[in-house]
Amino acid sequence: MKQLIELSTKTIILKRNEYLKYSGSTDTNLYYLENGSMRIFIVSEGEEQIIRLAYNGNLITSLDSFLTDKPSELFIQAIKNSTVRVITKQQIEQFLKEDENQKLWIKILENLIVQQLEREIDILTKSPAERYQRVLSRSPHLFQYIPNRYIANYLRMSPETLSRLKKS
C-alpha cells in the first residue's frame, strides 16, 4: 500500500466537521487518512446512516463514484481534525500499468469488498451484542479514534445500548 500512498502529491487538512465530499458530487480521488478520523454516510428520510468509519492509516473514497465516475449519495466528513493525502484516479491508472501494482490494487479492492459484506451481514443477521463484539475484535482501535455516538450509528444501535454493551 505504501507505493500507492507515495503517488500522492496533494494533502488536504480538514477541521472537525468539515466535508471532504458532499452527496451528489462525483469523486475521482482515493484518500489516505494520515491522521484524524472521518465518517462516510448517507442521509435517508432525514436520518444520517454511517456506512464506514476511518481513522489513521485507512484508505477512503466514495467507492461507487470512484469506480463509475458518476455522482454518489455519500458524504465524507471529518469527525476530528484530519490530514488526508489525495491520490487521483489518473495517478492510480498510471500506477496500474505495471502488473505487480495491479495485484496490489486488486488486494485493496477485495479487502474493501469483504469488509463491506461482513458489515452488511452483521447488520442484517446479528444482535447488537454480536455486532459490538465483532467490531471490537476486528477494529479495537476504533474506540480510540471515533466518538461513541458515531460507532453506535455505524452499528445500528442507540448510544445507550452501546454504552451498556461496553460496560458488560
Protein backbone atom coordinates (compact mmCIF):
# COMPACT_ATOMS: atom_id res chain seq x y z
CA MET A 1 0.00 0.00 0.00
CA LYS A 2 2.97 2.28 0.61
CA GLN A 3 3.62 2.51 -3.15
CA LEU A 4 0.07 3.71 -3.69
CA ILE A 5 0.25 6.38 -0.98
CA GLU A 6 3.53 7.66 -2.39
CA LEU A 7 1.66 8.63 -5.58
CA SER A 8 0.00 11.46 -3.66
CA THR A 9 1.20 14.96 -4.48
CA LYS A 10 -1.52 16.81 -2.59
CA THR A 11 -2.53 16.97 1.07
CA ILE A 12 -5.79 18.35 2.44
CA ILE A 13 -6.24 19.47 6.03
CA LEU A 14 -9.80 19.31 7.31
CA LYS A 15 -11.10 20.80 10.52
CA ARG A 16 -13.56 18.88 12.67
CA ASN A 17 -16.96 18.57 10.92
CA GLU A 18 -15.62 19.81 7.55
CA TYR A 19 -16.68 17.84 4.49
CA LEU A 20 -14.31 16.14 2.08
CA LYS A 21 -17.19 15.20 -0.21
CA TYR A 22 -20.88 16.07 -0.47
CA SER A 23 -23.77 13.94 -1.66
CA GLY A 24 -24.44 14.48 -5.37
CA SER A 25 -20.80 15.04 -6.28
CA THR A 26 -18.51 12.77 -8.27
CA ASP A 27 -15.40 11.53 -6.51
CA THR A 28 -12.37 10.72 -8.67
CA ASN A 29 -9.89 10.56 -5.81
CA LEU A 30 -8.76 7.99 -3.32
CA TYR A 31 -7.78 9.38 0.08
CA TYR A 32 -5.24 8.14 2.59
CA LEU A 33 -6.05 9.31 6.10
CA GLU A 34 -2.68 10.24 7.64
CA ASN A 35 -4.25 11.28 10.91
CA GLY A 36 -7.65 12.11 12.30
CA SER A 37 -10.95 10.34 11.82
CA MET A 38 -13.74 10.50 9.27
CA ARG A 39 -17.13 9.07 8.53
CA ILE A 40 -18.83 8.13 5.29
CA PHE A 41 -22.60 8.37 5.49
CA ILE A 42 -25.86 8.85 3.64
CA VAL A 43 -28.95 10.75 4.65
CA SER A 44 -32.11 8.67 4.34
CA GLU A 45 -35.51 10.02 5.37
CA GLY A 46 -33.78 12.82 7.26
CA GLU A 47 -31.59 10.39 9.26
CA GLU A 48 -27.83 10.03 8.90
CA GLN A 49 -26.70 6.44 8.40
CA ILE A 50 -22.96 5.84 8.74
CA ILE A 51 -21.68 3.13 6.42
CA ARG A 52 -17.95 3.43 7.08
CA LEU A 53 -15.65 4.91 9.69
CA ALA A 54 -12.00 5.68 9.06
CA TYR A 55 -9.01 6.65 11.14
CA ASN A 56 -5.20 6.88 10.86
CA GLY A 57 -3.82 4.69 8.10
CA ASN A 58 -7.12 3.96 6.31
CA LEU A 59 -7.90 4.46 2.65
CA ILE A 60 -11.28 6.05 1.98
CA THR A 61 -13.30 7.17 -1.01
CA SER A 62 -16.81 7.26 -2.29
CA LEU A 63 -16.11 3.92 -3.96
CA ASP A 64 -19.27 3.81 -6.08
CA SER A 65 -18.44 7.20 -7.59
CA PHE A 66 -14.73 6.46 -7.90
CA LEU A 67 -15.38 3.29 -9.90
CA THR A 68 -18.23 4.57 -12.09
CA ASP A 69 -17.38 8.29 -12.50
CA LYS A 70 -20.98 9.05 -11.51
CA PRO A 71 -22.31 11.16 -8.63
CA SER A 72 -22.78 9.42 -5.29
CA GLU A 73 -25.23 9.87 -2.43
CA LEU A 74 -22.37 9.58 0.06
CA PHE A 75 -20.99 12.32 2.28
CA ILE A 76 -17.45 12.14 3.68
CA GLN A 77 -16.93 14.27 6.79
CA ALA A 78 -14.08 14.77 9.25
CA ILE A 79 -15.02 13.73 12.79
CA LYS A 80 -11.79 15.21 14.16
CA ASN A 81 -9.17 17.47 12.59
CA SER A 82 -7.75 15.30 9.82
CA THR A 83 -4.88 15.24 7.35
CA VAL A 84 -5.68 13.48 4.08
CA ARG A 85 -3.37 12.61 1.20
CA VAL A 86 -5.09 12.75 -2.19
CA ILE A 87 -4.39 10.13 -4.86
CA THR A 88 -6.12 10.92 -8.15
CA LYS A 89 -7.73 8.35 -10.42
CA GLN A 90 -5.25 9.36 -13.15
CA GLN A 91 -2.33 8.62 -10.80
CA ILE A 92 -3.83 5.23 -9.98
CA GLU A 93 -4.45 4.40 -13.66
CA GLN A 94 -0.80 5.20 -14.42
CA PHE A 95 0.28 3.11 -11.41
CA LEU A 96 -1.79 0.16 -12.64
CA LYS A 97 0.12 -0.10 -15.90
CA GLU A 98 2.58 -2.34 -14.03
CA ASP A 99 1.42 -5.92 -13.35
CA GLU A 100 2.70 -6.02 -9.77
CA ASN A 101 0.74 -2.89 -8.96
CA GLN A 102 -2.43 -4.43 -10.39
CA LYS A 103 -2.12 -7.27 -7.85
CA LEU A 104 -1.83 -4.75 -5.01
CA TRP A 105 -4.86 -2.81 -6.28
CA ILE A 106 -6.95 -5.99 -6.54
CA LYS A 107 -5.99 -6.89 -2.95
CA ILE A 108 -7.06 -3.42 -1.74
CA LEU A 109 -10.42 -3.66 -3.54
CA GLU A 110 -11.01 -7.22 -2.35
CA ASN A 111 -10.34 -6.14 1.23
CA LEU A 112 -12.82 -3.24 0.95
CA ILE A 113 -15.49 -5.51 -0.55
CA VAL A 114 -15.05 -8.20 2.10
CA GLN A 115 -15.22 -5.61 4.91
CA GLN A 116 -18.42 -4.17 3.48
CA LEU A 117 -20.03 -7.60 3.02
CA GLU A 118 -19.12 -8.68 6.56
CA ARG A 119 -20.63 -5.48 7.93
CA GLU A 120 -23.79 -5.90 5.88
CA ILE A 121 -24.24 -9.47 7.11
CA ASP A 122 -23.65 -8.31 10.70
CA ILE A 123 -26.27 -5.57 10.41
CA LEU A 124 -28.84 -7.91 8.89
CA THR A 125 -28.31 -11.01 11.00
CA LYS A 126 -26.50 -10.29 14.27
CA SER A 127 -27.73 -8.98 17.59
CA PRO A 128 -26.40 -5.64 18.89
CA ALA A 129 -24.10 -7.54 21.29
CA GLU A 130 -22.70 -9.65 18.45
CA ARG A 131 -22.18 -6.59 16.25
CA TYR A 132 -20.35 -4.84 19.08
CA GLN A 133 -18.11 -7.88 19.71
CA ARG A 134 -17.34 -8.21 16.02
CA VAL A 135 -16.25 -4.58 15.63
CA LEU A 136 -14.30 -4.78 18.88
CA SER A 137 -12.35 -7.82 17.66
CA ARG A 138 -11.93 -6.56 14.09
CA SER A 139 -11.09 -2.91 14.87
CA PRO A 140 -10.24 -2.40 18.56
CA HIS A 141 -8.58 0.94 17.72
CA LEU A 142 -11.91 2.31 16.53
CA PHE A 143 -12.90 3.21 20.08
CA GLN A 144 -9.75 5.34 20.49
CA TYR A 145 -10.45 7.46 17.41
CA ILE A 146 -14.23 7.61 16.98
CA PRO A 147 -16.80 9.02 19.44
CA ASN A 148 -19.35 6.51 20.74
CA ARG A 149 -22.33 8.20 19.09
CA TYR A 150 -20.82 7.58 15.65
CA ILE A 151 -19.90 3.99 16.49
CA ALA A 152 -23.45 3.39 17.74
CA ASN A 153 -24.88 4.77 14.48
CA TYR A 154 -22.46 2.63 12.45
CA LEU A 155 -23.55 -0.44 14.43
CA ARG A 156 -27.24 0.50 14.08
CA MET A 157 -27.93 0.81 17.78
CA SER A 158 -28.66 3.59 20.23
CA PRO A 159 -25.77 5.24 22.10
CA GLU A 160 -27.35 3.90 25.32
CA THR A 161 -27.23 0.31 24.02
CA LEU A 162 -23.58 0.74 23.05
CA SER A 163 -22.79 2.17 26.47
CA ARG A 164 -24.47 -0.81 28.16
CA LEU A 165 -22.56 -3.27 25.98
CA LYS A 166 -19.26 -1.57 26.72
CA LYS A 167 -19.90 -1.82 30.47
CA SER A 168 -20.76 -5.53 30.40
